[in-house]
Amino acid sequence: MSHLLLLLTKNNNTYRQLLAQKNLPSLQIASDDPQFITQADIWLAEPGLAKPLLPLSQSLQWMQSTFAGVDLLLAPKQKHDYQLTNIRGIFGPMMSEYVFGQLLSHIRQLPRYRAQQTAGVWQALPHATLVGKHLLILGTGSIGQHLASTAKHFGMRVSGVSRSGQPTPAFDAVYQVSELAHLVASADIMISVLPSTKDTRGLISASLLASLRPDAIIVNIGRGDVIDETALYQQLLLQPQQLAILDVFQRRC
């Protein structure tokens, strides 16, 4: 049985080259001609590119998302008459590098030293260390576990929050979401890796943010709508020593 694959990514040429190396005689890769939107039974797609084209699909049986997050495709009014799969288990190292790169840059005052270097001056600056800091990770899946493992290399104490609260490798302790309000006050750094669901949207609320330490760092690499961004903005005005590192936002640019 032959299949027609439609590529809907910003890296179509790369995927074509990789697929060609696999020698899959039963798989035909569609060109960019719009007619193939209706004919292709397999889509390899970025959710944002696939969403507006879904109403035109007539033969779609399976869509493989190139992202982990597929919430754009799960809205009630979207087509759901096909199998949808996503990518998991590969983002831990990349996200860990991103998060700890940002954290180390901040606590070691690297931006200020870079400014000094540009100005041709030298003045020693106070800095902190990650050793002994309490890291609170919301979400204990593959990315959360990799973050926790990396944090242990820096001598951090790591707590996790999940729906079940079940013990998870690399975490010192894992709690249920219902206990979150009692945990944030002791967290030096809080990282959200949570997906967008009816239970997580707005979970990091004004009251929760108000419970954070005056010098806490908030990191969001999950979904933007988990944080009340208006409340976060007000919180940072009230507590300028706090820092927000946001890789995602409620509104897509």
Protein backbone atom coordinates (compact mmCIF):
# COMPACT_ATOMS: atom_id res chain seq x y z
CA MET A 1 0.00 0.00 0.00
CA SER A 2 1.41 3.39 -0.97
CA HIS A 3 1.06 6.59 1.03
CA LEU A 4 1.32 10.27 0.15
CA LEU A 5 3.16 12.42 2.67
CA LEU A 6 2.59 16.16 2.95
CA LEU A 7 5.32 18.22 4.63
CA LEU A 8 4.18 21.32 6.49
CA THR A 9 7.28 22.58 8.26
CA LYS A 10 9.81 25.38 7.99
CA ASN A 11 12.43 22.72 7.21
CA ASN A 12 10.76 20.82 4.38
CA ASN A 13 13.95 20.42 2.36
CA THR A 14 15.79 18.90 5.31
CA TYR A 15 12.99 16.40 5.91
CA ARG A 16 12.94 15.50 2.21
CA GLN A 17 16.65 14.73 2.32
CA LEU A 18 16.34 12.64 5.48
CA LEU A 19 13.40 10.66 4.12
CA ALA A 20 15.19 10.05 0.82
CA GLN A 21 18.02 8.41 2.75
CA LYS A 22 15.58 5.89 4.26
CA ASN A 23 14.59 4.41 0.87
CA LEU A 24 10.86 4.03 1.54
CA PRO A 25 9.39 2.86 -1.77
CA SER A 26 5.79 2.91 -0.54
CA LEU A 27 6.01 6.54 0.56
CA GLN A 28 5.62 9.35 -1.95
CA ILE A 29 6.48 12.86 -0.79
CA ALA A 30 4.04 15.45 -2.10
CA SER A 31 5.23 18.63 -3.75
CA ASP A 32 4.11 22.03 -2.49
CA ASP A 33 1.15 22.07 -4.87
CA PRO A 34 -2.02 22.96 -2.87
CA GLN A 35 -3.92 20.04 -4.45
CA PHE A 36 -1.96 17.60 -2.30
CA ILE A 37 -3.55 19.02 0.87
CA THR A 38 -6.68 17.09 -0.02
CA GLN A 39 -4.89 13.98 -1.31
CA ALA A 40 -2.18 13.33 1.29
CA ASP A 41 -3.03 10.67 3.87
CA ILE A 42 0.02 11.44 6.08
CA TRP A 43 1.10 14.88 7.26
CA LEU A 44 4.41 15.71 8.90
CA ALA A 45 3.59 19.13 10.24
CA GLU A 46 4.09 21.97 12.64
CA PRO A 47 0.75 22.48 14.43
CA GLY A 48 0.60 26.18 13.58
CA LEU A 49 0.99 25.46 9.86
CA ALA A 50 -1.38 22.51 9.87
CA LYS A 51 -4.27 24.10 11.75
CA PRO A 52 -5.59 26.44 9.00
CA LEU A 53 -5.32 23.68 6.39
CA LEU A 54 -7.10 20.94 8.31
CA PRO A 55 -10.58 21.87 6.98
CA LEU A 56 -9.25 21.16 3.46
CA SER A 57 -7.97 17.68 4.28
CA GLN A 58 -9.99 14.85 2.78
CA SER A 59 -7.67 11.86 2.97
CA LEU A 60 -5.71 12.54 6.16
CA GLN A 61 -5.28 9.45 8.34
CA TRP A 62 -2.21 10.27 10.42
CA MET A 63 -0.49 13.52 11.38
CA GLN A 64 2.94 13.46 13.01
CA SER A 65 3.60 16.76 14.75
CA THR A 66 7.18 18.02 14.72
CA PHE A 67 6.49 19.67 18.09
CA ALA A 68 5.69 18.21 21.51
CA GLY A 69 2.78 20.62 22.04
CA VAL A 70 -0.28 19.92 19.90
CA ASP A 71 -2.91 21.91 21.81
CA LEU A 72 -3.62 24.04 18.70
CA LEU A 73 -4.99 20.91 17.05
CA LEU A 74 -7.13 19.77 19.97
CA ALA A 75 -9.71 22.56 20.03
CA PRO A 76 -13.32 21.24 20.02
CA LYS A 77 -14.10 22.71 16.58
CA GLN A 78 -11.03 21.18 14.93
CA LYS A 79 -11.15 17.99 12.85
CA HIS A 80 -10.37 14.95 14.96
CA ASP A 81 -10.99 12.14 12.46
CA TYR A 82 -7.33 11.16 12.16
CA GLN A 83 -4.54 9.82 14.34
CA LEU A 84 -2.38 12.55 15.92
CA THR A 85 1.06 11.86 17.39
CA ASN A 86 3.74 14.18 18.73
CA ILE A 87 7.44 14.10 19.57
CA ARG A 88 8.52 13.21 23.09
CA GLY A 89 11.64 12.30 24.97
CA ILE A 90 14.14 14.30 22.89
CA PHE A 91 13.74 17.83 24.22
CA GLY A 92 15.16 17.30 27.72
CA PRO A 93 18.81 18.04 26.89
CA MET A 94 18.00 21.08 24.74
CA MET A 95 15.63 22.63 27.27
CA SER A 96 18.02 21.90 30.13
CA GLU A 97 20.81 23.71 28.29
CA TYR A 98 18.52 26.66 27.65
CA VAL A 99 17.28 26.93 31.24
CA PHE A 100 20.62 26.52 32.98
CA GLY A 101 22.33 28.77 30.46
CA GLN A 102 19.89 31.50 31.44
CA LEU A 103 20.17 30.80 35.17
CA LEU A 104 23.97 30.77 35.19
CA SER A 105 24.13 33.94 33.10
CA HIS A 106 21.91 35.69 35.65
CA ILE A 107 23.45 34.54 38.92
CA ARG A 108 27.02 35.00 37.65
CA GLN A 109 26.22 38.52 36.37
CA LEU A 110 27.45 37.70 32.84
CA PRO A 111 25.46 40.45 31.03
CA ARG A 112 26.97 43.11 33.29
CA TYR A 113 30.47 41.71 32.78
CA ARG A 114 29.89 41.73 29.02
CA ALA A 115 28.87 45.39 29.23
CA GLN A 116 32.03 46.12 31.21
CA GLN A 117 34.11 44.30 28.60
CA THR A 118 32.56 46.40 25.84
CA ALA A 119 33.25 49.59 27.81
CA GLY A 120 36.82 48.51 28.58
CA VAL A 121 36.41 48.62 32.34
CA TRP A 122 36.67 46.04 35.12
CA GLN A 123 34.82 45.97 38.39
CA ALA A 124 34.22 42.81 40.38
CA LEU A 125 30.54 42.13 40.95
CA PRO A 126 28.80 40.04 43.64
CA HIS A 127 27.40 36.76 42.40
CA ALA A 128 25.44 33.82 43.73
CA THR A 129 25.64 30.05 43.26
CA LEU A 130 23.11 27.35 42.43
CA VAL A 131 24.48 25.09 45.16
CA GLY A 132 21.86 24.58 47.87
CA LYS A 133 19.12 26.43 45.98
CA HIS A 134 15.61 24.97 46.03
CA LEU A 135 14.33 24.26 42.51
CA LEU A 136 10.60 23.64 42.09
CA ILE A 137 9.64 22.04 38.78
CA LEU A 138 5.99 21.97 37.71
CA GLY A 139 5.75 18.88 35.53
CA THR A 140 7.74 15.70 36.08
CA GLY A 141 7.75 14.23 32.56
CA SER A 142 10.82 13.66 30.42
CA ILE A 143 11.80 17.36 30.27
CA GLY A 144 11.19 17.87 33.98
CA GLN A 145 13.26 14.80 34.81
CA HIS A 146 16.16 16.00 32.69
CA LEU A 147 16.03 19.42 34.36
CA ALA A 148 16.02 17.73 37.75
CA SER A 149 19.02 15.57 36.86
CA THR A 150 20.96 18.60 35.66
CA ALA A 151 20.05 20.50 38.82
CA LYS A 152 21.46 17.72 40.98
CA HIS A 153 24.85 18.18 39.28
CA PHE A 154 24.80 21.74 40.61
CA GLY A 155 23.99 20.58 44.14
CA MET A 156 20.41 21.85 44.13
CA ARG A 157 17.46 20.52 46.10
CA VAL A 158 14.74 19.59 43.62
CA SER A 159 11.02 19.30 44.24
CA GLY A 160 8.45 18.38 41.62
CA VAL A 161 4.73 18.88 41.16
CA SER A 162 2.53 16.52 39.16
CA ARG A 163 -1.07 15.39 39.09
CA SER A 164 -0.30 12.11 40.84
CA GLY A 165 2.47 13.25 43.17
CA GLN A 166 4.20 9.92 42.65
CA PRO A 167 7.97 9.66 43.34
CA THR A 168 10.00 10.30 40.18
CA PRO A 169 13.70 9.70 39.47
CA ALA A 170 16.04 12.71 40.05
CA PHE A 171 13.51 14.51 42.28
CA ASP A 172 14.05 14.75 46.02
CA ALA A 173 10.29 14.86 46.47
CA VAL A 174 7.19 15.09 44.28
CA TYR A 175 3.89 16.63 45.37
CA GLN A 176 0.41 16.88 43.94
CA VAL A 177 -0.76 20.09 42.26
CA SER A 178 -3.08 20.76 45.20
CA GLU A 179 0.01 21.28 47.38
CA LEU A 180 1.61 23.86 45.09
CA ALA A 181 0.55 26.89 47.11
CA HIS A 182 2.46 25.57 50.13
CA LEU A 183 5.66 24.93 48.14
CA VAL A 184 6.31 28.17 46.29
CA ALA A 185 7.33 30.15 49.39
CA SER A 186 10.46 28.04 49.80
CA ALA A 187 11.42 27.91 46.12
CA ASP A 188 14.37 29.93 44.88
CA ILE A 189 13.56 28.99 41.29
CA MET A 190 10.23 27.78 39.89
CA ILE A 191 10.13 26.24 36.41
CA SER A 192 6.90 25.38 34.61
CA VAL A 193 7.02 22.60 32.04
CA LEU A 194 3.25 22.17 32.12
CA PRO A 195 1.05 21.65 29.05
CA SER A 196 -2.03 23.74 28.34
CA THR A 197 -5.09 21.99 29.78
CA LYS A 198 -8.24 23.08 31.54
CA ASP A 199 -6.51 22.31 34.85
CA THR A 200 -3.28 24.19 34.15
CA ARG A 201 -4.47 27.38 32.46
CA GLY A 202 -3.90 30.26 34.87
CA LEU A 203 -2.48 27.90 37.49
CA ILE A 204 0.34 30.36 38.25
CA SER A 205 -2.00 33.06 39.47
CA ALA A 206 -1.58 36.40 41.22
CA SER A 207 -1.95 34.78 44.65
CA LEU A 208 0.62 32.12 43.81
CA LEU A 209 3.11 34.68 42.49
CA ALA A 210 2.63 36.77 45.62
CA SER A 211 3.82 33.82 47.70
CA LEU A 212 7.21 33.64 45.97
CA ARG A 213 10.42 34.73 47.64
CA PRO A 214 11.38 38.39 46.97
CA ASP A 215 14.34 37.27 44.84
CA ALA A 216 12.73 34.23 43.20
CA ILE A 217 13.24 33.32 39.56
CA ILE A 218 10.24 32.18 37.50
CA VAL A 219 10.87 30.18 34.32
CA ASN A 220 8.21 29.08 31.83
CA ILE A 221 9.17 26.64 29.08
CA GLY A 222 5.82 24.84 28.98
CA ARG A 223 2.78 26.72 27.70
CA GLY A 224 2.19 30.45 27.96
CA ASP A 225 -1.34 30.33 29.33
CA VAL A 226 -0.22 28.51 32.49
CA ILE A 227 0.90 31.91 33.86
CA ASP A 228 -1.40 34.88 34.39
CA GLU A 229 0.85 37.30 32.49
CA THR A 230 -0.92 40.43 33.75
CA ALA A 231 -0.40 39.25 37.32
CA LEU A 232 3.23 38.43 36.52
CA TYR A 233 3.81 41.93 35.15
CA GLN A 234 2.34 43.48 38.30
CA GLN A 235 4.37 41.12 40.47
CA LEU A 236 7.63 42.14 38.81
CA LEU A 237 6.79 45.80 39.35
CA LEU A 238 6.25 45.11 43.04
CA GLN A 239 9.28 42.82 43.37
CA PRO A 240 11.98 44.12 40.98
CA GLN A 241 14.51 41.67 42.46
CA GLN A 242 12.53 38.81 40.98
CA LEU A 243 13.26 37.58 37.47
CA ALA A 244 11.02 36.00 34.82
CA ILE A 245 12.53 33.89 32.04
CA LEU A 246 9.78 33.24 29.51
CA ASP A 247 10.22 31.02 26.46
CA VAL A 248 6.48 30.94 25.77
CA PHE A 249 3.60 33.43 25.95
CA GLN A 250 -0.17 33.45 26.00
CA ARG A 251 -0.33 35.24 22.65
CA ARG A 252 1.62 33.96 19.68
CA CYS A 253 3.60 36.61 17.82
